[in-house]
Amino acid sequence: MGRNSGPAWTRHRVLVMLAAVVAGAGLAAVVVGVDGDVAASTVSGDAQPQARSAAATNTLTSTTTPKPTTSVDATSVPAADPTQALATAMGPLSANKTGDFSVAVLNQDTGVTAGFNAAETYDTASIVKADILAVLLYQAQQQGTPLTDDEDAAATKMIEASDNDAATTLWDDVGSAAGMATANTAFGLRNTVPGADDYWGLTTTTVADQLTLMNVLTSSKSLLRASARAYAANLMHQIEPDQVWGVSAAADAGTTPALKNGWLPVDSDNDLWAINSIGQVSHGGHTYVVAFLSSSQPDEQTGIDQASAVCKAAVAAVAGR
């Protein structure tokens, strides 16, 4: 898998704050085990990357039917206690789990957030490619220049096809680990550590930080301008069909989720699999960002099946379904 795999690295656990304010949603949030802070300052001289499709919008969740009104599905009323609802929903899935997993959900309309097993740290595998994209767009914005044709081509391959060579090219372009760390600090990612020696797939992170990253890519209060978010949306809506799983399982019929998944056999975990999924979905008249991280999966398909089941149950629980 190219530089998406490498020598043994020690997996560690990092405790994260169990209460925070989700600035990316612009609303006070009930946060359990996740920290959704997103810096809301602006940057002068932003770039204007050109989205490759006129259909790209300022949100990462598109529909194949006319945009719904602001009314909410009566069957989707946010849980009175989303933390407890999520814990209850995860009970049977945890009892039959493979490996370890964590999940976090943010309702971007209400700011309500809940997390399960949120203090764990995991290898990112290819979900770090969404972070590389965010850093690339942020740096272009700071420099006041559009993406080059080569950067656009590499970003397209990296997100839509999860191409490793393209990811390596852009990882190098943004300054490797140092460039990633600087931008991630600006984004508010507190517990994400770029992979050492350019093994970008061994970047470590938490579900809290992945919710923050999804807010960077979607929230109007993000450091990224609307044009950059629209560019990212266009790419994340066009994931290759065989890579559509995990967070996408929580999306309502007739909608297209924004998605980035990752899968990697980890040397330091006896070649057991890291299976991860981040994205944004429409569910019951609301918009949610979701992060699922896992480790020690016995094989790729088992981990994928678990990711889809957990994401679907997690969003339904926080939605009150």
Protein backbone atom coordinates (compact mmCIF):
# COMPACT_ATOMS: atom_id res chain seq x y z
CA MET A 1 0.00 0.00 0.00
CA GLY A 2 2.97 2.33 -0.61
CA ARG A 3 3.65 4.83 2.12
CA ASN A 4 0.27 4.15 3.64
CA SER A 5 1.91 1.31 5.56
CA GLY A 6 5.26 1.02 7.24
CA PRO A 7 7.35 -0.24 10.15
CA ALA A 8 5.90 -1.01 13.52
CA TRP A 9 4.68 1.95 15.43
CA THR A 10 3.41 1.99 18.99
CA ARG A 11 -0.29 2.69 19.22
CA HIS A 12 -1.09 4.96 22.10
CA ARG A 13 -4.16 6.28 23.84
CA VAL A 14 -4.83 9.88 24.58
CA LEU A 15 -7.44 11.19 26.92
CA VAL A 16 -9.59 13.95 25.48
CA MET A 17 -11.83 16.47 27.14
CA LEU A 18 -15.30 15.18 27.78
CA ALA A 19 -16.98 18.58 27.60
CA ALA A 20 -16.53 21.35 25.05
CA VAL A 21 -18.27 23.87 22.83
CA VAL A 22 -18.62 22.91 19.22
CA ALA A 23 -17.64 26.15 17.56
CA GLY A 24 -17.74 24.61 14.10
CA ALA A 25 -21.50 24.24 14.41
CA GLY A 26 -21.81 27.76 15.78
CA LEU A 27 -23.95 26.52 18.67
CA ALA A 28 -23.47 25.35 22.22
CA ALA A 29 -23.43 21.59 22.23
CA VAL A 30 -23.97 18.74 24.61
CA VAL A 31 -20.61 17.06 24.09
CA VAL A 32 -19.73 13.68 25.50
CA GLY A 33 -16.20 12.51 25.01
CA VAL A 34 -15.62 14.74 21.99
CA ASP A 35 -14.12 18.14 21.43
CA GLY A 36 -15.63 19.76 18.37
CA ASP A 37 -13.86 23.13 18.62
CA VAL A 38 -13.19 24.78 15.28
CA ALA A 39 -11.40 28.09 14.96
CA ALA A 40 -13.70 30.73 13.52
CA SER A 41 -11.20 33.41 12.56
CA THR A 42 -10.79 34.45 8.95
CA VAL A 43 -7.72 34.59 6.76
CA SER A 44 -7.04 37.33 4.26
CA GLY A 45 -6.10 36.66 0.66
CA ASP A 46 -7.92 33.36 0.31
CA ALA A 47 -7.50 31.26 -2.80
CA GLN A 48 -10.40 30.50 -5.08
CA PRO A 49 -10.00 26.83 -6.05
CA GLN A 50 -12.24 25.96 -8.94
CA ALA A 51 -14.72 23.17 -8.27
CA ARG A 52 -14.77 20.75 -11.17
CA SER A 53 -18.54 20.56 -11.25
CA ALA A 54 -21.18 23.26 -11.30
CA ALA A 55 -23.14 21.04 -8.92
CA ALA A 56 -20.66 21.62 -6.10
CA THR A 57 -22.22 23.51 -3.21
CA ASN A 58 -21.28 24.90 0.15
CA THR A 59 -22.37 21.74 1.94
CA LEU A 60 -21.00 18.25 1.68
CA THR A 61 -24.35 16.47 1.56
CA SER A 62 -26.25 16.57 -1.72
CA THR A 63 -29.57 15.07 -2.66
CA THR A 64 -30.84 13.53 -5.85
CA THR A 65 -34.25 15.08 -5.24
CA PRO A 66 -35.24 18.74 -4.73
CA LYS A 67 -33.89 20.25 -1.54
CA PRO A 68 -36.28 19.60 1.35
CA THR A 69 -37.92 22.37 3.30
CA THR A 70 -36.79 23.24 6.79
CA SER A 71 -39.46 21.04 8.38
CA VAL A 72 -38.11 18.05 10.29
CA ASP A 73 -39.26 14.48 10.02
CA ALA A 74 -41.54 13.92 13.00
CA THR A 75 -39.92 10.55 13.59
CA SER A 76 -36.52 12.20 14.01
CA VAL A 77 -36.58 14.15 17.26
CA PRO A 78 -33.13 14.55 18.87
CA ALA A 79 -32.74 12.28 21.86
CA ALA A 80 -33.34 13.96 25.23
CA ASP A 81 -30.08 12.43 26.44
CA PRO A 82 -27.99 11.73 23.33
CA THR A 83 -25.14 10.34 25.37
CA GLN A 84 -27.28 7.70 26.98
CA ALA A 85 -29.09 7.00 23.73
CA LEU A 86 -25.79 6.39 21.97
CA ALA A 87 -24.47 4.22 24.78
CA THR A 88 -27.63 2.12 24.69
CA ALA A 89 -27.43 1.72 20.92
CA MET A 90 -23.78 0.67 21.14
CA GLY A 91 -24.47 -1.95 23.83
CA PRO A 92 -25.31 -4.92 21.58
CA LEU A 93 -22.74 -3.86 18.98
CA SER A 94 -20.03 -3.69 21.63
CA ALA A 95 -21.02 -7.07 23.00
CA ASN A 96 -20.34 -8.62 19.60
CA LYS A 97 -17.58 -6.32 18.43
CA THR A 98 -14.41 -7.23 16.63
CA GLY A 99 -11.33 -5.33 17.73
CA ASP A 100 -11.88 -1.90 19.27
CA PHE A 101 -13.94 1.00 17.95
CA SER A 102 -15.04 4.54 18.74
CA VAL A 103 -17.75 6.67 17.20
CA ALA A 104 -18.90 10.28 17.52
CA VAL A 105 -21.83 12.14 15.98
CA LEU A 106 -22.55 15.87 15.67
CA ASN A 107 -25.91 17.28 14.60
CA GLN A 108 -24.77 20.37 12.70
CA ASP A 109 -28.21 21.97 12.91
CA THR A 110 -28.58 21.79 16.69
CA GLY A 111 -25.00 21.42 17.90
CA VAL A 112 -25.85 18.27 19.86
CA THR A 113 -22.90 15.91 19.99
CA ALA A 114 -22.31 12.50 21.53
CA GLY A 115 -19.37 10.13 21.55
CA PHE A 116 -18.75 6.51 22.46
CA ASN A 117 -15.36 5.25 23.64
CA ALA A 118 -14.09 8.66 22.61
CA ALA A 119 -10.81 8.72 24.54
CA GLU A 120 -9.13 6.20 22.23
CA THR A 121 -6.47 7.07 19.67
CA TYR A 122 -6.20 5.21 16.36
CA ASP A 123 -4.13 5.09 13.20
CA THR A 124 -5.92 7.06 10.49
CA ALA A 125 -5.13 4.94 7.44
CA SER A 126 -6.54 6.78 4.40
CA ILE A 127 -8.97 9.09 6.18
CA VAL A 128 -5.92 11.32 6.65
CA LYS A 129 -6.35 12.17 2.96
CA ALA A 130 -9.28 14.41 3.90
CA ASP A 131 -6.93 16.20 6.30
CA ILE A 132 -4.27 16.54 3.59
CA LEU A 133 -6.92 18.09 1.33
CA ALA A 134 -7.98 20.54 4.04
CA VAL A 135 -4.36 21.58 4.65
CA LEU A 136 -3.72 21.97 0.92
CA LEU A 137 -6.75 24.25 0.54
CA TYR A 138 -5.85 26.22 3.67
CA GLN A 139 -2.31 26.86 2.50
CA ALA A 140 -3.49 27.94 -0.95
CA GLN A 141 -5.95 30.28 0.75
CA GLN A 142 -3.20 31.82 2.88
CA GLN A 143 -1.02 32.33 -0.17
CA GLY A 144 -3.87 33.78 -2.20
CA THR A 145 -3.30 31.39 -5.09
CA PRO A 146 -5.54 28.76 -6.71
CA LEU A 147 -4.54 25.13 -6.84
CA THR A 148 -2.33 24.27 -9.76
CA ASP A 149 -3.54 21.83 -12.39
CA ASP A 150 -1.22 19.18 -10.94
CA GLU A 151 -2.56 19.77 -7.41
CA ASP A 152 -6.13 19.56 -8.64
CA ALA A 153 -5.42 16.29 -10.46
CA ALA A 154 -3.68 14.81 -7.42
CA ALA A 155 -6.43 15.94 -5.02
CA THR A 156 -9.06 14.36 -7.26
CA LYS A 157 -7.27 11.01 -7.33
CA MET A 158 -6.48 11.15 -3.63
CA ILE A 159 -10.09 11.66 -2.52
CA GLU A 160 -12.21 9.98 -5.18
CA ALA A 161 -10.02 6.91 -5.71
CA SER A 162 -8.00 7.02 -2.46
CA ASP A 163 -4.83 7.00 -4.54
CA ASN A 164 -1.73 6.60 -2.36
CA ASP A 165 0.78 8.10 -4.77
CA ALA A 166 -1.35 11.23 -5.08
CA ALA A 167 -1.56 11.47 -1.30
CA THR A 168 2.22 11.20 -1.00
CA THR A 169 2.68 13.96 -3.57
CA LEU A 170 0.35 16.34 -1.73
CA TRP A 171 1.70 15.36 1.71
CA ASP A 172 5.10 16.47 0.44
CA ASP A 173 3.66 19.60 -1.16
CA VAL A 174 2.10 20.84 2.09
CA GLY A 175 5.33 20.37 4.03
CA SER A 176 4.95 16.79 5.24
CA ALA A 177 4.42 16.28 8.98
CA ALA A 178 5.48 19.83 9.94
CA GLY A 179 3.08 21.46 7.49
CA MET A 180 0.25 19.17 8.55
CA ALA A 181 0.86 19.85 12.24
CA THR A 182 0.88 23.63 11.78
CA ALA A 183 -2.40 23.67 9.86
CA ASN A 184 -4.04 21.16 12.19
CA THR A 185 -3.23 23.38 15.15
CA ALA A 186 -4.98 26.24 13.37
CA PHE A 187 -7.94 23.96 12.67
CA GLY A 188 -8.24 22.99 16.34
CA LEU A 189 -7.20 19.34 16.03
CA ARG A 190 -5.75 18.75 19.48
CA ASN A 191 -4.86 15.07 19.46
CA THR A 192 -3.83 14.33 15.89
CA VAL A 193 -0.16 13.49 15.37
CA PRO A 194 1.16 13.30 11.79
CA GLY A 195 2.83 10.03 10.85
CA ALA A 196 6.59 9.98 11.38
CA ASP A 197 9.06 9.51 8.52
CA ASP A 198 6.33 10.36 6.01
CA TYR A 199 4.22 7.31 6.81
CA TRP A 200 1.10 9.45 6.53
CA GLY A 201 -1.24 6.46 6.99
CA LEU A 202 0.13 6.05 10.52
CA THR A 203 -1.02 9.49 11.58
CA THR A 204 -2.90 9.04 14.86
CA THR A 205 -6.15 10.74 15.80
CA THR A 206 -9.38 10.62 17.81
CA VAL A 207 -13.04 10.74 16.84
CA ALA A 208 -13.18 14.20 18.44
CA ASP A 209 -10.55 15.54 16.10
CA GLN A 210 -12.22 13.93 13.11
CA LEU A 211 -15.49 15.72 13.91
CA THR A 212 -13.46 18.92 14.08
CA LEU A 213 -11.92 18.16 10.70
CA MET A 214 -15.33 17.53 9.17
CA ASN A 215 -16.45 20.89 10.52
CA VAL A 216 -13.40 22.50 8.90
CA LEU A 217 -14.53 21.01 5.61
CA THR A 218 -18.22 21.91 6.02
CA SER A 219 -18.93 24.70 8.51
CA SER A 220 -19.33 28.32 7.44
CA LYS A 221 -17.33 29.20 10.57
CA SER A 222 -14.39 27.14 9.38
CA LEU A 223 -11.07 28.69 8.42
CA LEU A 224 -11.78 27.52 4.87
CA ARG A 225 -13.70 29.86 2.58
CA ALA A 226 -16.87 28.80 0.81
CA SER A 227 -15.04 28.17 -2.46
CA ALA A 228 -12.63 25.77 -0.79
CA ARG A 229 -15.43 23.94 0.99
CA ALA A 230 -17.33 23.63 -2.29
CA TYR A 231 -14.25 22.16 -3.95
CA ALA A 232 -13.89 19.58 -1.18
CA ALA A 233 -17.60 18.79 -1.40
CA ASN A 234 -17.34 18.00 -5.08
CA LEU A 235 -14.57 15.49 -4.47
CA MET A 236 -16.08 13.84 -1.39
CA HIS A 237 -19.38 13.28 -3.21
CA GLN A 238 -17.70 11.28 -5.96
CA ILE A 239 -16.07 8.45 -4.03
CA GLU A 240 -15.65 5.27 -6.05
CA PRO A 241 -18.64 2.95 -5.44
CA ASP A 242 -16.63 0.14 -3.84
CA GLN A 243 -15.41 2.62 -1.20
CA VAL A 244 -18.89 3.75 -0.14
CA TRP A 245 -19.53 2.22 3.28
CA GLY A 246 -19.31 3.18 6.94
CA VAL A 247 -20.77 6.65 7.54
CA SER A 248 -22.78 6.38 4.31
CA ALA A 249 -24.94 3.67 5.92
CA ALA A 250 -26.57 6.39 8.07
CA ALA A 251 -27.68 8.52 5.11
CA ASP A 252 -31.32 8.82 4.11
CA ALA A 253 -32.38 7.24 0.83
CA GLY A 254 -32.07 9.63 -2.09
CA THR A 255 -29.12 11.55 -0.59
CA THR A 256 -25.44 11.40 -1.40
CA PRO A 257 -23.11 11.49 1.61
CA ALA A 258 -19.75 13.19 1.65
CA LEU A 259 -17.25 10.53 2.57
CA LYS A 260 -13.67 9.47 3.13
CA ASN A 261 -12.83 5.99 4.33
CA GLY A 262 -9.60 4.30 5.34
CA TRP A 263 -8.39 0.71 5.60
CA LEU A 264 -4.94 -0.56 6.51
CA PRO A 265 -3.29 -3.70 7.93
CA VAL A 266 -1.08 -2.33 10.71
CA ASP A 267 2.37 -3.87 11.23
CA SER A 268 2.46 -3.04 14.92
CA ASP A 269 -0.93 -4.72 15.42
CA ASN A 270 0.08 -8.08 13.92
CA ASP A 271 -1.26 -6.97 10.54
CA LEU A 272 -4.79 -6.66 11.92
CA TRP A 273 -6.82 -3.97 10.21
CA ALA A 274 -7.59 -0.34 10.96
CA ILE A 275 -10.99 0.41 9.40
CA ASN A 276 -12.14 4.04 9.58
CA SER A 277 -14.89 6.25 8.15
CA ILE A 278 -15.63 9.98 8.33
CA GLY A 279 -18.27 11.99 6.53
CA GLN A 280 -21.43 14.03 6.47
CA VAL A 281 -24.95 12.70 5.94
CA SER A 282 -28.57 13.85 5.77
CA HIS A 283 -30.77 11.94 8.19
CA GLY A 284 -34.36 12.67 9.17
CA GLY A 285 -34.25 16.30 8.07
CA HIS A 286 -30.97 17.08 9.83
CA THR A 287 -27.34 17.16 8.78
CA TYR A 288 -24.81 15.14 10.75
CA VAL A 289 -21.06 14.72 10.68
CA VAL A 290 -19.84 11.34 11.88
CA ALA A 291 -16.48 9.82 12.75
CA PHE A 292 -15.84 6.10 13.19
CA LEU A 293 -12.38 4.75 14.08
CA SER A 294 -11.33 1.19 14.78
CA SER A 295 -8.35 -1.10 15.27
CA SER A 296 -7.49 -4.80 15.49
CA GLN A 297 -10.09 -5.89 12.96
CA PRO A 298 -9.53 -9.53 11.90
CA ASP A 299 -10.01 -8.74 8.21
CA GLU A 300 -11.05 -5.87 5.97
CA GLN A 301 -14.64 -6.91 5.27
CA THR A 302 -15.45 -7.69 8.91
CA GLY A 303 -14.22 -4.23 9.86
CA ILE A 304 -16.22 -2.59 7.06
CA ASP A 305 -19.41 -4.38 8.10
CA GLN A 306 -18.93 -3.27 11.69
CA ALA A 307 -18.24 0.33 10.63
CA SER A 308 -21.48 0.50 8.65
CA ALA A 309 -23.56 -1.05 11.43
CA VAL A 310 -22.12 1.24 14.11
CA CYS A 311 -22.49 4.44 12.07
CA LYS A 312 -26.09 3.66 11.15
CA ALA A 313 -27.03 2.88 14.75
CA ALA A 314 -25.14 5.87 16.16
CA VAL A 315 -26.83 8.48 13.99
CA ALA A 316 -30.26 6.95 14.57
CA ALA A 317 -29.68 7.03 18.33
CA VAL A 318 -28.60 10.70 18.43
CA ALA A 319 -31.50 11.56 16.13
CA GLY A 320 -33.93 9.95 18.55
CA ARG A 321 -35.04 7.19 16.21
